[in-house]
Amino acid sequence: MPAALCLENEEQKIMNPTTQKMHPVLPGGLTFSHVIELVERLARQLGLGAARRAVLLRLMRHTAPADWHDPGRDPVCFRAQQDLARELDISDRTLRLHEKGLEALGLIQIDTAANGRRSGRQLSGGRRLGINFRPILENLGRLLAMDAAHKEEMHQLSVLRLECSAAKRDVKRAIERLSDENAQHPALPDLLRRFASWPRRYAGFRCADDLARHLTEVNILLAEARACLACRRNTSGMAEAGLPAIANTTPKILERINAKETVSRPVPADPRKPRPDHGNGQGRDDLRWLTPEMVREIAGPDFRFCLEALFPTGEISERDLRSAAIMLLRDLGITDSAWEAALEQLGSLRASLSVLLIDANRAHPGAPTRSPGALLRGFTARDRRGEFNLAGALKGLLRRKRVSA
């Protein structure tokens, strides 16, 4: 066969996609931008420092986005090394070291000519000389699994941070109450010292296990402070002999709720506007009628699932409701700041029941909840003005549930 014909056949093989080996591509629904975001989120898990991550992202952005979906070629960066180094404001040698490090991590494949030359010219099998990102495509499933685990850990950290903040608020109030009742209590100095030793921020807790241990520490101190209060109020003035005070405390059950504990800080009354009474003489938001059975009856399926998963015994404490509400915040799209503001203004119980109300009203037949976060902020603002009637809203929800049943 003539040499010219052989060369023509080779060129046809290169240009004909059916004769080429299929290259890995992004699955449907994923774009090049998604891959960039994935690498940014997983930088720490992949062992990338800030400088090496910047190099990797710059190399990726010098590929053609369409190549990540083309089964006939790999996405390749073939920009000259000196130009890349100039863009990144680093030396050529530093860039080479970063590229070698990225190859060692299994994120790129360095495929250059013997003299280091990079070229966008397509060779046989769709090969082009440069920094090849085929390894990322081949390991995309593992990266997506890492990302899912990372997101779950971030959610767990967020939940634990909110649990810690709420529990610390309970500790502070318990210590303040103990100090008001007995400023000379022998346990008070130790309680204050341990409370003051806790970090104000959570940046130092790098993993969920560390934060969970801190939450346990907070809960232990809370139980001790409440045990001191319970001992103080006991008619004998002493705890049971032989039993540690921490073992004598039990969660408050919502079978009958003291009205004093259902309302957070008193809201200054507007002299032009009388406070609602609701006909029971207890003022606004009397929740003594609410039982655990009613809570489960009015809760939406998601809130009820959280309650049953976390606390299957049937008893529901104020802290149980709060934990279930915190678990749902991400799914409802309620930000941590909106929840913290509600907790500060409404108190633990009323803030948790507000989240229950919001979640249940997502299935409202006439006016379903569209923006849970905005609605919770609205509840907080209305309560600050003395206009929020949570008890009335819960009773209306209960009536609607029973009618529809």
Protein backbone atom coordinates (compact mmCIF):
# COMPACT_ATOMS: atom_id res chain seq x y z
CA MET A 1 0.00 0.00 0.00
CA PRO A 2 1.39 3.43 -0.91
CA ALA A 3 2.76 5.49 1.97
CA ALA A 4 0.41 8.39 1.16
CA LEU A 5 -2.61 6.08 1.45
CA CYS A 6 -1.39 4.70 4.78
CA LEU A 7 -1.02 8.27 6.08
CA GLU A 8 -4.51 9.13 4.84
CA ASN A 9 -5.99 6.10 6.65
CA GLU A 10 -4.22 7.09 9.89
CA GLU A 11 -5.65 10.61 9.63
CA GLN A 12 -9.14 9.20 9.08
CA LYS A 13 -8.78 7.06 12.21
CA ILE A 14 -7.81 10.14 14.20
CA MET A 15 -10.72 12.19 12.90
CA ASN A 16 -13.34 9.42 13.05
CA PRO A 17 -14.81 9.23 16.61
CA THR A 18 -16.00 5.66 16.08
CA THR A 19 -12.41 4.43 15.83
CA GLN A 20 -11.29 6.24 18.99
CA LYS A 21 -11.28 4.91 22.52
CA MET A 22 -14.12 6.36 24.56
CA HIS A 23 -12.98 8.85 27.19
CA PRO A 24 -14.67 9.37 30.57
CA VAL A 25 -17.11 12.28 30.67
CA LEU A 26 -19.21 14.12 33.22
CA PRO A 27 -22.55 12.42 33.87
CA GLY A 28 -25.77 14.14 32.89
CA GLY A 29 -26.75 16.97 35.17
CA LEU A 30 -23.17 17.86 36.10
CA THR A 31 -21.34 20.73 34.45
CA PHE A 32 -17.78 21.99 34.49
CA SER A 33 -18.83 24.63 37.04
CA HIS A 34 -20.04 21.84 39.34
CA VAL A 35 -16.59 20.23 39.16
CA ILE A 36 -14.91 23.54 40.05
CA GLU A 37 -17.22 23.93 43.07
CA LEU A 38 -16.61 20.30 44.06
CA VAL A 39 -12.84 20.81 44.12
CA GLU A 40 -13.21 24.04 46.10
CA ARG A 41 -15.35 22.31 48.74
CA LEU A 42 -13.13 19.24 49.02
CA ALA A 43 -9.76 21.04 48.97
CA ARG A 44 -8.94 20.18 52.60
CA GLN A 45 -10.09 16.56 52.24
CA LEU A 46 -7.97 16.19 49.09
CA GLY A 47 -4.85 17.45 50.86
CA LEU A 48 -4.71 20.76 49.01
CA GLY A 49 -3.30 23.85 50.65
CA ALA A 50 -4.39 27.29 49.52
CA ALA A 51 -1.53 27.73 47.01
CA ARG A 52 -1.87 24.27 45.43
CA ARG A 53 -5.65 24.63 45.24
CA ALA A 54 -5.21 27.94 43.39
CA VAL A 55 -2.89 26.25 40.90
CA LEU A 56 -5.30 23.36 40.31
CA LEU A 57 -8.27 25.66 39.77
CA ARG A 58 -6.31 27.87 37.38
CA LEU A 59 -5.22 24.83 35.36
CA MET A 60 -8.81 23.55 35.23
CA ARG A 61 -10.12 26.91 34.05
CA HIS A 62 -7.70 26.75 31.12
CA THR A 63 -9.49 23.67 29.75
CA ALA A 64 -12.42 23.83 27.35
CA PRO A 65 -15.67 23.20 29.31
CA ALA A 66 -17.05 21.21 26.37
CA ASP A 67 -14.15 18.73 26.64
CA TRP A 68 -15.50 17.51 30.00
CA HIS A 69 -18.52 16.14 28.12
CA ASP A 70 -16.74 14.97 24.94
CA PRO A 71 -16.18 11.17 24.82
CA GLY A 72 -13.61 11.68 22.07
CA ARG A 73 -11.04 13.63 24.11
CA ASP A 74 -9.82 14.36 27.62
CA PRO A 75 -9.96 17.84 29.17
CA VAL A 76 -6.41 19.14 28.91
CA CYS A 77 -4.69 22.39 29.88
CA PHE A 78 -2.00 23.08 27.29
CA ARG A 79 -1.24 26.69 28.21
CA ALA A 80 2.50 27.37 28.37
CA GLN A 81 4.05 26.87 31.80
CA GLN A 82 5.68 30.27 31.91
CA ASP A 83 2.36 31.99 31.10
CA LEU A 84 0.60 30.07 33.89
CA ALA A 85 3.35 30.94 36.35
CA ARG A 86 3.04 34.60 35.43
CA GLU A 87 -0.75 34.51 35.95
CA LEU A 88 -0.31 32.91 39.37
CA ASP A 89 2.57 35.24 40.29
CA ILE A 90 4.90 32.33 41.07
CA SER A 91 8.11 31.02 39.52
CA ASP A 92 8.22 28.34 36.83
CA ARG A 93 9.97 26.02 39.29
CA THR A 94 7.24 26.51 41.93
CA LEU A 95 4.59 25.76 39.33
CA ARG A 96 6.37 22.54 38.34
CA LEU A 97 6.51 21.48 42.00
CA HIS A 98 2.78 22.11 42.40
CA GLU A 99 2.02 20.12 39.24
CA LYS A 100 4.11 17.21 40.49
CA GLY A 101 2.28 17.38 43.81
CA LEU A 102 -1.12 17.36 42.09
CA GLU A 103 -0.07 14.34 40.03
CA ALA A 104 1.05 12.54 43.21
CA LEU A 105 -2.41 13.21 44.70
CA GLY A 106 -4.00 11.54 41.67
CA LEU A 107 -5.77 14.68 40.45
CA ILE A 108 -3.93 15.26 37.15
CA GLN A 109 -1.79 13.42 34.66
CA ILE A 110 1.24 15.27 33.25
CA ASP A 111 1.47 14.29 29.59
CA THR A 112 4.02 16.48 27.81
CA ALA A 113 6.61 16.04 25.10
CA ALA A 114 10.17 15.02 25.97
CA ASN A 115 11.20 18.67 26.04
CA GLY A 116 8.24 19.60 28.26
CA ARG A 117 6.26 21.11 25.40
CA ARG A 118 2.48 21.35 25.67
CA SER A 119 0.25 21.53 22.64
CA GLY A 120 -3.45 21.59 21.88
CA ARG A 121 -2.90 19.62 18.68
CA GLN A 122 -4.88 16.40 18.76
CA LEU A 123 -2.85 13.21 18.37
CA SER A 124 -4.06 9.63 17.99
CA GLY A 125 -6.84 8.55 20.36
CA GLY A 126 -7.75 12.17 21.16
CA ARG A 127 -4.48 12.66 23.07
CA ARG A 128 -3.17 16.20 23.50
CA LEU A 129 -0.01 17.26 25.28
CA GLY A 130 -0.43 19.12 28.55
CA ILE A 131 -2.02 18.72 31.99
CA ASN A 132 -4.67 16.04 31.62
CA PHE A 133 -7.68 15.96 33.98
CA ARG A 134 -8.79 12.47 33.11
CA PRO A 135 -7.99 11.27 36.70
CA ILE A 136 -10.67 13.59 38.10
CA LEU A 137 -13.26 12.17 35.71
CA GLU A 138 -12.22 8.59 36.48
CA ASN A 139 -12.51 9.23 40.24
CA LEU A 140 -15.61 11.39 40.09
CA GLY A 141 -17.76 8.83 41.91
CA ARG A 142 -15.34 8.80 44.86
CA LEU A 143 -15.21 12.60 44.91
CA LEU A 144 -19.00 12.86 44.92
CA ALA A 145 -19.18 10.37 47.80
CA MET A 146 -16.59 12.44 49.71
CA ASP A 147 -18.64 15.56 49.04
CA ALA A 148 -21.84 13.94 50.33
CA ALA A 149 -20.01 12.84 53.50
CA HIS A 150 -18.54 16.34 53.87
CA LYS A 151 -21.97 17.98 53.55
CA GLU A 152 -23.40 15.60 56.13
CA GLU A 153 -20.58 16.39 58.54
CA MET A 154 -21.11 20.12 57.99
CA HIS A 155 -24.81 19.65 58.75
CA GLN A 156 -23.95 17.66 61.86
CA LEU A 157 -21.54 20.38 62.97
CA SER A 158 -24.22 23.02 62.44
CA VAL A 159 -26.74 21.02 64.49
CA LEU A 160 -24.21 20.48 67.28
CA ARG A 161 -23.26 24.16 67.33
CA LEU A 162 -26.90 25.16 67.72
CA GLU A 163 -27.43 22.50 70.40
CA CYS A 164 -24.35 23.79 72.27
CA SER A 165 -25.48 27.40 72.04
CA ALA A 166 -28.96 26.58 73.34
CA ALA A 167 -27.60 24.38 76.14
CA LYS A 168 -25.13 27.11 77.17
CA ARG A 169 -28.01 29.55 77.34
CA ASP A 170 -29.79 27.10 79.67
CA VAL A 171 -26.63 26.80 81.81
CA LYS A 172 -26.30 30.57 82.09
CA ARG A 173 -29.90 30.96 83.21
CA ALA A 174 -29.62 28.11 85.72
CA ILE A 175 -26.45 29.60 87.24
CA GLU A 176 -28.04 33.06 87.38
CA ARG A 177 -31.10 31.60 89.12
CA LEU A 178 -28.93 29.73 91.61
CA SER A 179 -26.94 32.90 92.28
CA ASP A 180 -30.16 34.87 92.89
CA GLU A 181 -31.50 32.25 95.30
CA ASN A 182 -28.25 31.54 97.14
CA ALA A 183 -25.18 33.60 96.23
CA GLN A 184 -23.16 31.65 98.84
CA HIS A 185 -23.93 28.19 97.41
CA PRO A 186 -20.72 26.11 97.68
CA ALA A 187 -21.06 24.76 94.11
CA LEU A 188 -21.45 28.21 92.54
CA PRO A 189 -17.72 29.10 92.16
CA ASP A 190 -16.94 25.83 90.38
CA LEU A 191 -19.98 26.18 88.10
CA LEU A 192 -18.96 29.73 87.18
CA ARG A 193 -15.34 28.73 86.60
CA ARG A 194 -16.24 25.88 84.24
CA PHE A 195 -18.79 28.01 82.41
CA ALA A 196 -16.23 30.81 81.89
CA SER A 197 -13.61 28.33 80.59
CA TRP A 198 -15.65 27.40 77.51
CA PRO A 199 -14.63 28.99 74.19
CA ARG A 200 -16.96 31.69 72.93
CA ARG A 201 -16.63 30.53 69.32
CA TYR A 202 -16.68 27.11 67.71
CA ALA A 203 -13.89 27.61 65.17
CA GLY A 204 -11.56 25.46 67.26
CA PHE A 205 -13.81 22.40 66.91
CA ARG A 206 -12.70 20.85 63.64
CA CYS A 207 -14.85 17.72 63.66
CA ALA A 208 -18.26 16.61 64.90
CA ASP A 209 -16.75 14.28 67.52
CA ASP A 210 -14.94 17.18 69.22
CA LEU A 211 -18.09 19.28 69.27
CA ALA A 212 -20.17 16.34 70.52
CA ARG A 213 -17.78 15.92 73.45
CA HIS A 214 -18.12 19.62 74.21
CA LEU A 215 -21.92 19.30 74.13
CA THR A 216 -21.67 16.43 76.62
CA GLU A 217 -19.58 18.66 78.88
CA VAL A 218 -22.18 21.44 78.63
CA ASN A 219 -25.02 19.02 79.41
CA ILE A 220 -23.19 17.69 82.47
CA LEU A 221 -22.74 21.19 83.86
CA LEU A 222 -26.39 21.99 83.10
CA ALA A 223 -27.53 18.89 84.97
CA GLU A 224 -25.35 19.79 87.94
CA ALA A 225 -26.68 23.37 88.07
CA ARG A 226 -30.29 22.16 87.88
CA ALA A 227 -29.57 19.56 90.55
CA CYS A 228 -28.32 22.32 92.86
CA LEU A 229 -31.54 24.25 92.20
CA ALA A 230 -33.68 21.17 92.85
CA CYS A 231 -31.79 20.47 96.07
CA ARG A 232 -32.23 24.08 97.13
CA ARG A 233 -35.99 23.90 96.61
CA ASN A 234 -36.35 20.57 98.36
CA THR A 235 -38.10 20.97 101.70
CA SER A 236 -35.32 19.09 103.44
CA GLY A 237 -32.73 21.32 101.79
CA MET A 238 -30.63 18.25 100.96
CA ALA A 239 -30.38 15.76 98.13
CA GLU A 240 -31.07 12.10 98.75
CA ALA A 241 -28.30 10.48 100.73
CA GLY A 242 -25.90 8.35 98.75
CA LEU A 243 -27.14 9.55 95.33
CA PRO A 244 -25.28 12.09 93.24
CA ALA A 245 -27.34 15.19 92.57
CA ILE A 246 -27.01 14.70 88.81
CA ALA A 247 -28.93 11.41 89.00
CA ASN A 248 -31.92 13.01 90.70
CA THR A 249 -32.87 15.30 87.81
CA THR A 250 -35.36 14.38 85.12
CA PRO A 251 -36.46 16.31 82.03
CA LYS A 252 -39.46 18.58 82.35
CA ILE A 253 -42.44 16.94 80.61
CA LEU A 254 -44.93 18.92 78.59
CA GLU A 255 -47.98 17.40 80.27
CA ARG A 256 -48.48 20.60 82.25
CA ILE A 257 -46.24 23.55 81.57
CA ASN A 258 -45.81 26.34 84.06
CA ALA A 259 -46.76 29.54 82.32
CA LYS A 260 -43.78 31.33 83.82
CA GLU A 261 -41.39 29.03 81.97
CA THR A 262 -43.11 29.16 78.61
CA VAL A 263 -42.45 32.84 78.06
CA SER A 264 -38.97 34.24 77.63
CA ARG A 265 -38.11 37.75 78.72
CA PRO A 266 -41.25 39.80 79.34
CA VAL A 267 -42.09 42.12 76.47
CA PRO A 268 -42.80 45.70 77.52
CA ALA A 269 -46.51 46.32 77.14
CA ASP A 270 -47.67 48.95 74.71
CA PRO A 271 -49.92 51.27 76.75
CA ARG A 272 -52.03 51.92 73.65
CA LYS A 273 -52.66 48.24 73.02
CA PRO A 274 -54.01 45.81 75.65
CA ARG A 275 -52.28 42.44 75.87
CA PRO A 276 -54.44 39.56 74.57
CA ASP A 277 -55.98 37.31 77.18
CA HIS A 278 -57.56 34.56 75.02
CA GLY A 279 -60.32 34.17 77.62
CA ASN A 280 -58.39 32.04 80.12
CA GLY A 281 -56.91 34.70 82.39
CA GLN A 282 -53.36 33.52 81.71
CA GLY A 283 -52.26 36.25 79.30
CA ARG A 284 -50.69 35.58 75.94
CA ASP A 285 -49.39 32.17 74.90
CA ASP A 286 -50.70 30.08 77.76
CA LEU A 287 -49.48 26.62 76.73
CA ARG A 288 -50.60 24.62 79.75
CA TRP A 289 -53.20 22.85 77.63
CA LEU A 290 -50.52 21.33 75.37
CA THR A 291 -49.71 17.64 75.93
CA PRO A 292 -47.16 15.33 74.24
CA GLU A 293 -50.04 13.65 72.42
CA MET A 294 -51.20 16.98 71.01
CA VAL A 295 -47.66 17.85 69.95
CA ARG A 296 -47.48 14.66 67.91
CA GLU A 297 -50.98 15.26 66.56
CA ILE A 298 -50.29 18.74 65.21
CA ALA A 299 -46.69 18.13 64.07
CA GLY A 300 -46.01 17.64 60.38
CA PRO A 301 -44.60 14.30 59.22
CA ASP A 302 -40.98 15.53 59.19
CA PHE A 303 -41.12 17.03 62.68
CA ARG A 304 -42.92 13.95 64.00
CA PHE A 305 -40.30 11.69 62.38
CA CYS A 306 -37.51 13.61 64.16
CA LEU A 307 -39.31 13.33 67.49
CA GLU A 308 -39.91 9.61 67.12
CA ALA A 309 -36.37 8.94 65.90
CA LEU A 310 -34.72 10.94 68.66
CA PHE A 311 -37.13 10.31 71.53
CA PRO A 312 -39.23 7.17 71.01
CA THR A 313 -40.33 6.81 74.66
CA GLY A 314 -43.45 8.97 74.36
CA GLU A 315 -42.35 11.64 76.80
CA ILE A 316 -41.40 14.98 75.27
CA SER A 317 -39.33 17.56 77.12
CA GLU A 318 -38.66 21.13 76.13
CA ARG A 319 -35.15 20.13 75.07
CA ASP A 320 -36.56 17.29 72.97
CA LEU A 321 -38.68 19.74 71.02
CA ARG A 322 -35.71 22.02 70.57
CA SER A 323 -33.51 19.19 69.25
CA ALA A 324 -36.20 18.15 66.75
CA ALA A 325 -36.57 21.76 65.59
CA ILE A 326 -32.81 22.16 65.13
CA MET A 327 -32.69 18.95 63.09
CA LEU A 328 -35.22 20.41 60.65
CA LEU A 329 -33.69 23.86 60.18
CA ARG A 330 -31.60 22.94 57.12
CA ASP A 331 -34.48 21.18 55.33
CA LEU A 332 -36.74 24.16 56.01
CA GLY A 333 -34.13 26.62 54.76
CA ILE A 334 -34.01 28.45 58.09
CA THR A 335 -30.60 30.02 58.71
CA ASP A 336 -28.72 29.70 61.97
CA SER A 337 -29.02 33.44 62.55
CA ALA A 338 -32.82 33.38 62.16
CA TRP A 339 -33.03 30.51 64.66
CA GLU A 340 -30.70 32.20 67.16
CA ALA A 341 -32.73 35.41 66.98
CA ALA A 342 -35.96 33.48 67.58
CA LEU A 343 -34.41 31.57 70.45
CA GLU A 344 -33.26 34.79 72.09
CA GLN A 345 -36.61 36.52 71.74
CA LEU A 346 -39.13 33.69 72.07
CA GLY A 347 -37.31 31.36 74.43
CA SER A 348 -36.53 27.70 73.83
CA LEU A 349 -40.05 26.26 74.00
CA ARG A 350 -41.84 28.91 71.97
CA ALA A 351 -39.10 29.02 69.31
CA SER A 352 -39.29 25.23 68.92
CA LEU A 353 -43.09 25.27 68.68
CA SER A 354 -42.83 28.06 66.12
CA VAL A 355 -40.67 25.80 63.93
CA LEU A 356 -43.23 23.00 64.45
CA LEU A 357 -45.98 25.39 63.35
CA ILE A 358 -44.04 26.52 60.28
CA ASP A 359 -43.26 22.94 59.25
CA ALA A 360 -46.86 21.78 59.72
CA ASN A 361 -48.21 24.72 57.70
CA ARG A 362 -46.18 23.75 54.65
CA ALA A 363 -49.18 21.52 53.93
CA HIS A 364 -51.78 24.22 54.69
CA PRO A 365 -54.64 23.79 52.17
CA GLY A 366 -55.16 27.51 51.61
CA ALA A 367 -51.96 29.35 52.50
CA PRO A 368 -49.00 26.98 52.61
CA THR A 369 -45.72 28.25 54.03
CA ARG A 370 -43.51 29.48 51.19
CA SER A 371 -40.54 30.96 53.06
CA PRO A 372 -40.00 29.33 56.46
CA GLY A 373 -36.97 31.46 57.32
CA ALA A 374 -38.77 34.74 56.61
CA LEU A 375 -41.80 33.52 58.55
CA LEU A 376 -39.73 32.70 61.63
CA ARG A 377 -38.12 36.14 61.49
CA GLY A 378 -41.62 37.57 61.20
CA PHE A 379 -42.72 35.69 64.34
CA THR A 380 -39.69 37.08 66.18
CA ALA A 381 -40.43 40.65 65.10
CA ARG A 382 -44.12 40.36 65.99
CA ASP A 383 -43.27 38.96 69.42
CA ARG A 384 -40.92 41.88 70.00
CA ARG A 385 -43.93 44.17 69.43
CA GLY A 386 -46.13 42.01 71.67
CA GLU A 387 -48.30 40.87 68.75
CA PHE A 388 -47.40 37.17 68.39
CA ASN A 389 -50.16 34.78 69.49
CA LEU A 390 -48.46 31.37 69.30
CA ALA A 391 -51.07 29.59 71.43
CA GLY A 392 -53.88 30.77 69.15
CA ALA A 393 -51.99 29.61 66.05
CA LEU A 394 -51.34 26.19 67.58
CA LYS A 395 -55.01 25.81 68.57
CA GLY A 396 -56.05 26.72 65.03
CA LEU A 397 -53.64 24.11 63.67
CA LEU A 398 -55.05 21.52 66.08
CA ARG A 399 -58.65 22.27 65.01
CA ARG A 400 -57.72 22.01 61.33
CA LYS A 401 -55.92 18.70 61.88
CA ARG A 402 -58.92 17.22 63.71
CA VAL A 403 -61.41 18.44 61.11
CA SER A 404 -59.34 17.02 58.24
CA ALA A 405 -58.94 13.72 60.09
